[in-house]
Amino acid sequence: MEQIVAMKTDGNHITAELSLSDLIQIGAYAALEYWEGPTINFRMGREDTDKEEQEDAALMDPTNSVRAQFTAPELTEDEIVALMGRRTLGFLPPEDEYHGKWVQNPYVFDNTYFQELLNEKSRYIKLDDDRSLLEDSSFKRYVEVFAEDEDLFFQTFARAFGKVSEFGQEDKLQSEI
């Protein structure tokens, strides 16, 4: 967080105008593009909240089912499945009970998470919430579609990520960059 505050205070006239929430969000959008993921139109104007409000506004609770994790921004089933595709990036740390990665190359944002999910012989992590995508026929349909069509996955992910990133701030947001 210190780096983001420094960027705001020591940056340029643009970073000075953005809230910390905007800077965090634009960083996420830029990271997706860096990792070869979709481009998402950024709208600025988010208001910063204090830590307690952020915790209350959490969109995901890992103790709930996948469907329940994403109820706040009224996501569609295809958007819920697309957001689970975020697991194409990154690892679970060694100190986690299930450490490892979901895909062979966790440094590229692509649709391999869905391909690995459908691969019964996959050697990569599949947690209960990953497997639940295959147990729910509505979700499984989108897993299969996204495994075959990366462009559709990107379009759906971009729409869903935009919804989540703007949730609760919609009336404050302005101009796209």
Foldseek 3Di string as FASTA:
>chain_A
DVVLVCCCVVPDPVSVPADSLLSVVVVVQVLCVVLVAAHAWRWGFFDDDDPVVVVVPQQADVVDALVSSHPQLPDDLLLSLLQVLLQLADWDDPVDPQTDGQADDNSHRWLVSLVLLPDPPRPGDDDPNSVVLCVDVSSNVSSVVRNPDRVVSRVSNSVSSVSVSCRPPVVRTDDID
